[in-house]
Structure formats: structure tokens, C-alpha cells
């Protein structure tokens, strides 16, 4: 015997099957969100190869008018390294914050 009772206001569907009660509230969304969270946690962020990053930094600094070896070029490369370092730190902080939130709100 299958009986379906619904509450339109909260979009909750209660199904009773052989005396067992199952409440389904946005089940498909919950499963999708859980899958996305699990896959996102397992995904590894690929860092650009150091040679490629150095080539990009070199191109950026030269496009700003600095010649390799000049004081301005050295400062530009140092600033680029600092920016990349700060972005990596922020990314790690954000990831840690998200992990803590997920663990606290099971």
C-alpha cells in the first residue's frame, strides 16, 4: 500500500510504505549538493608550473615597460611573487574556513 500526503506550502512529500514513513524534502537537491561538496573536497587545485609562472611574470613586467635587470623590473617581479603568495594564503584560509563550517554543520 502506498499513500502520499503532501503539504504544498513547504513542498514536503510524506510517503508511507508498509508502515514505514519517509520524509522527502528537496532530496534531489540535497543529494546534488552533497555530491558537489564531496567532489569539490577531493579535487586538487593544480598550481601552474614554475617555469610557466615565471614566463607570465616576465611578460607582465616587460609589458609595463621594465627592462630585465633594471630596478623597476626586479621590484615588479618581487611584487608579482608577493601577490601570488598572498592569493595562495587567502585560498588556503578560505578552504580551511569552508572545511570547518562543513564539519561544524553536519
Protein backbone atom coordinates (compact mmCIF):
# COMPACT_ATOMS: atom_id res chain seq x y z
CA UNK A 1 0.00 0.00 0.00
CA UNK A 2 1.36 3.41 -0.97
CA UNK A 3 -0.13 6.59 0.47
CA UNK A 4 1.14 10.07 -0.44
CA UNK A 5 0.35 13.09 1.69
CA UNK A 6 1.63 16.48 0.58
CA UNK A 7 1.96 19.94 2.09
CA UNK A 8 2.14 22.47 -0.76
CA UNK A 9 3.35 25.32 1.40
CA UNK A 10 6.60 23.61 2.38
CA UNK A 11 6.77 21.29 -0.63
CA UNK A 12 7.14 18.33 1.66
CA UNK A 13 6.04 14.93 0.49
CA UNK A 14 5.43 12.23 3.05
CA UNK A 15 5.23 8.72 1.75
CA UNK A 16 4.05 5.79 3.81
CA UNK A 17 5.05 2.37 2.53
CA UNK A 18 4.19 -0.75 4.56
CA UNK A 19 4.19 1.13 7.86
CA UNK A 20 7.48 2.94 7.26
CA UNK A 21 7.47 6.72 6.98
CA UNK A 22 9.90 8.52 4.73
CA UNK A 23 10.04 12.30 4.54
CA UNK A 24 11.38 13.74 1.32
CA UNK A 25 12.25 17.44 1.28
CA UNK A 26 14.25 18.52 -1.68
CA UNK A 27 16.01 15.16 -1.75
CA UNK A 28 17.40 15.59 -5.23
CA UNK A 29 18.87 19.00 -4.33
CA UNK A 30 20.40 17.61 -1.15
CA UNK A 31 21.99 14.72 -2.99
CA UNK A 32 23.33 17.06 -5.65
CA UNK A 33 24.75 19.46 -3.05
CA UNK A 34 26.38 16.60 -1.15
CA UNK A 35 27.92 15.21 -4.33
CA UNK A 36 29.27 18.63 -5.28
CA UNK A 37 30.76 19.12 -1.81
CA UNK A 38 32.41 15.71 -1.84
CA UNK A 39 33.80 16.12 -5.33
CA UNK A 40 34.98 19.64 -4.54
CA UNK A 41 36.80 18.40 -1.44
CA UNK A 42 38.55 15.67 -3.42
CA UNK A 43 39.55 17.87 -6.34
CA UNK A 44 43.12 19.05 -6.30
CA UNK A 45 43.99 22.51 -7.39
CA UNK A 46 46.73 22.45 -9.96
CA UNK A 47 49.40 25.05 -9.43
CA UNK A 48 50.92 26.49 -12.58
CA UNK A 49 54.36 25.16 -13.39
CA UNK A 50 57.08 27.46 -12.01
CA UNK A 51 58.53 27.97 -15.49
CA UNK A 52 55.14 28.99 -16.89
CA UNK A 53 54.51 31.34 -13.97
CA UNK A 54 57.95 32.90 -14.40
CA UNK A 55 57.31 33.40 -18.12
CA UNK A 56 53.98 35.07 -17.35
CA UNK A 57 55.56 37.34 -14.72
CA UNK A 58 58.35 38.21 -17.13
CA UNK A 59 55.86 39.10 -19.86
CA UNK A 60 53.77 41.21 -17.48
CA UNK A 61 56.72 43.15 -16.15
CA UNK A 62 58.11 43.76 -19.64
CA UNK A 63 54.68 44.90 -20.85
CA UNK A 64 54.77 47.52 -18.10
CA UNK A 65 57.91 48.93 -19.67
CA UNK A 66 60.54 47.45 -17.37
CA UNK A 67 63.69 46.01 -18.91
CA UNK A 68 65.09 42.76 -17.45
CA UNK A 69 67.74 43.53 -14.86
CA UNK A 70 66.53 47.06 -14.06
CA UNK A 71 65.46 48.05 -10.55
CA UNK A 72 61.86 48.51 -11.71
CA UNK A 73 61.84 45.02 -13.26
CA UNK A 74 63.17 43.44 -10.06
CA UNK A 75 60.55 45.31 -8.00
CA UNK A 76 57.82 44.23 -10.43
CA UNK A 77 58.84 40.56 -10.18
CA UNK A 78 59.02 40.82 -6.38
CA UNK A 79 55.53 42.36 -6.29
CA UNK A 80 54.17 39.61 -8.57
CA UNK A 81 55.68 36.94 -6.30
CA UNK A 82 54.12 38.64 -3.28
CA UNK A 83 50.70 38.81 -4.97
CA UNK A 84 50.81 35.11 -5.86
CA UNK A 85 51.87 34.24 -2.31
CA UNK A 86 49.05 36.30 -0.79
CA UNK A 87 46.48 34.75 -3.15
CA UNK A 88 47.66 31.24 -2.19
CA UNK A 89 47.40 32.09 1.51
CA UNK A 90 43.90 33.51 1.06
CA UNK A 91 42.86 30.44 -0.89
CA UNK A 92 44.13 28.15 1.89
CA UNK A 93 42.31 30.26 4.53
CA UNK A 94 39.08 30.12 2.53
CA UNK A 95 39.38 26.36 2.08
CA UNK A 96 40.05 25.85 5.79
CA UNK A 97 37.09 28.07 6.70
CA UNK A 98 34.81 26.05 4.42
CA UNK A 99 36.08 22.76 5.88
CA UNK A 100 35.47 23.99 9.42
CA UNK A 101 31.97 25.15 8.50
CA UNK A 102 31.16 21.81 6.90
CA UNK A 103 32.43 19.88 9.92
CA UNK A 104 30.51 22.08 12.40
CA UNK A 105 27.23 21.98 10.43
CA UNK A 106 26.87 18.31 9.64
